[in-house]
Amino acid sequence: MKIGIVPNVKISNNPYEYKYSFINSYCEKLINNNAVIIGILLNNNKLPYEILSLCDGFLFPGGIKLEKFHFEILLYAIKNKKRVLGICLGMQVMAYFGVLIDLLKK
């Protein structure tokens, strides 16, 4: 199974510089269970949809900041019936997404 890992956003003192990182322990656990890890890297803050199509599921790790790409990846996963796992902030992404969908229906 190929799992797309959503990066953490690191806040910098420079408002024009975002730093993305991956939590190594999540990657290790997935690799130890025969998963292939695909790190989802943004290109000029744009989501590479061709990479998402390679993934069978997505891991949304914890972090400190929600970004538009979190919701874009989740929407892609839902539309394409991909598995998702949210940890901490990753679970909040799913909860916020559900609230947004409910608000749009009204």
Protein backbone atom coordinates (compact mmCIF):
# COMPACT_ATOMS: atom_id res chain seq x y z
CA MET A 1 0.00 0.00 0.00
CA LYS A 2 1.27 3.50 -0.88
CA ILE A 3 0.60 6.10 1.80
CA GLY A 4 0.84 9.82 1.14
CA ILE A 5 2.23 11.67 4.14
CA VAL A 6 0.94 15.22 4.50
CA PRO A 7 3.73 17.51 5.73
CA ASN A 8 3.75 19.57 8.90
CA VAL A 9 3.96 23.31 8.46
CA LYS A 10 6.71 24.99 10.43
CA ILE A 11 6.18 28.63 11.20
CA SER A 12 9.15 30.86 10.47
CA ASN A 13 9.93 34.45 11.42
CA ASN A 14 9.91 35.24 7.72
CA PRO A 15 6.25 35.51 6.56
CA TYR A 16 7.26 34.52 3.02
CA GLU A 17 9.00 31.32 4.05
CA TYR A 18 7.17 28.14 4.95
CA LYS A 19 9.02 25.07 6.08
CA TYR A 20 7.52 21.64 5.68
CA SER A 21 8.61 18.54 7.55
CA PHE A 22 7.64 14.91 8.07
CA ILE A 23 7.49 13.03 11.36
CA ASN A 24 10.03 10.23 11.09
CA SER A 25 8.38 7.88 13.61
CA TYR A 26 5.19 7.71 11.52
CA CYS A 27 7.22 6.91 8.42
CA GLU A 28 9.19 4.21 10.27
CA LYS A 29 6.01 2.51 11.53
CA LEU A 30 4.46 2.51 8.07
CA ILE A 31 7.63 1.16 6.43
CA ASN A 32 7.87 -1.56 9.10
CA ASN A 33 4.36 -2.60 8.04
CA ASN A 34 5.30 -2.85 4.35
CA ALA A 35 3.86 0.49 3.24
CA VAL A 36 5.53 2.63 0.61
CA ILE A 37 5.79 6.23 1.78
CA ILE A 38 5.10 9.12 -0.57
CA GLY A 39 5.91 12.54 0.86
CA ILE A 40 3.55 15.16 -0.51
CA LEU A 41 5.63 18.24 -1.29
CA LEU A 42 4.12 21.47 -2.45
CA ASN A 43 5.42 23.33 -5.48
CA ASN A 44 5.23 27.09 -4.88
CA ASN A 45 2.46 26.37 -2.36
CA LYS A 46 0.49 24.45 -5.03
CA LEU A 47 -0.65 20.89 -4.52
CA PRO A 48 0.72 18.33 -7.04
CA TYR A 49 -2.43 16.36 -7.89
CA GLU A 50 -0.46 13.88 -10.01
CA ILE A 51 1.29 12.71 -6.82
CA LEU A 52 -2.02 12.25 -5.00
CA SER A 53 -3.16 9.80 -7.66
CA LEU A 54 -0.24 7.52 -6.74
CA CYS A 55 -1.47 7.14 -3.14
CA ASP A 56 -3.81 4.48 -1.77
CA GLY A 57 -4.36 6.48 1.41
CA PHE A 58 -3.17 9.53 3.33
CA LEU A 59 -1.78 10.24 6.79
CA PHE A 60 -2.55 13.68 8.23
CA PRO A 61 -0.15 14.13 11.17
CA GLY A 62 -0.35 16.60 14.02
CA GLY A 63 1.00 20.10 13.68
CA ILE A 64 0.32 23.67 14.62
CA LYS A 65 -1.25 25.25 11.55
CA LEU A 66 -4.06 24.35 9.18
CA GLU A 67 -3.42 25.13 5.53
CA LYS A 68 -5.62 25.14 2.44
CA PHE A 69 -3.77 22.12 1.05
CA HIS A 70 -4.94 20.00 4.03
CA PHE A 71 -8.54 20.46 2.90
CA GLU A 72 -7.64 19.96 -0.76
CA ILE A 73 -6.01 16.60 0.00
CA LEU A 74 -8.93 15.52 2.17
CA LEU A 75 -11.43 16.49 -0.53
CA TYR A 76 -9.38 14.52 -3.08
CA ALA A 77 -9.34 11.50 -0.74
CA ILE A 78 -13.11 11.62 -0.23
CA LYS A 79 -13.89 12.05 -3.92
CA ASN A 80 -11.57 9.17 -4.85
CA LYS A 81 -12.53 6.88 -1.97
CA LYS A 82 -9.02 6.84 -0.47
CA ARG A 83 -8.32 5.90 3.14
CA VAL A 84 -7.29 8.61 5.59
CA LEU A 85 -5.84 8.68 9.09
CA GLY A 86 -5.73 11.88 11.11
CA ILE A 87 -3.55 12.33 14.17
CA CYS A 88 -4.14 15.35 16.43
CA LEU A 89 -4.33 18.32 14.01
CA GLY A 90 -4.95 15.82 11.22
CA MET A 91 -8.16 14.71 12.93
CA GLN A 92 -9.14 18.35 13.40
CA VAL A 93 -8.78 18.83 9.63
CA MET A 94 -11.43 16.16 9.17
CA ALA A 95 -13.72 17.67 11.81
CA TYR A 96 -13.41 21.19 10.35
CA PHE A 97 -14.01 19.82 6.88
CA GLY A 98 -17.24 18.22 8.07
CA VAL A 99 -18.39 21.48 9.64
CA LEU A 100 -17.58 23.40 6.45
CA ILE A 101 -19.59 20.95 4.34
CA ASP A 102 -22.55 21.31 6.71
CA LEU A 103 -22.36 25.12 6.54
CA LEU A 104 -22.24 25.06 2.74
CA LYS A 105 -25.40 22.93 2.62
CA LYS A 106 -27.40 25.59 4.50
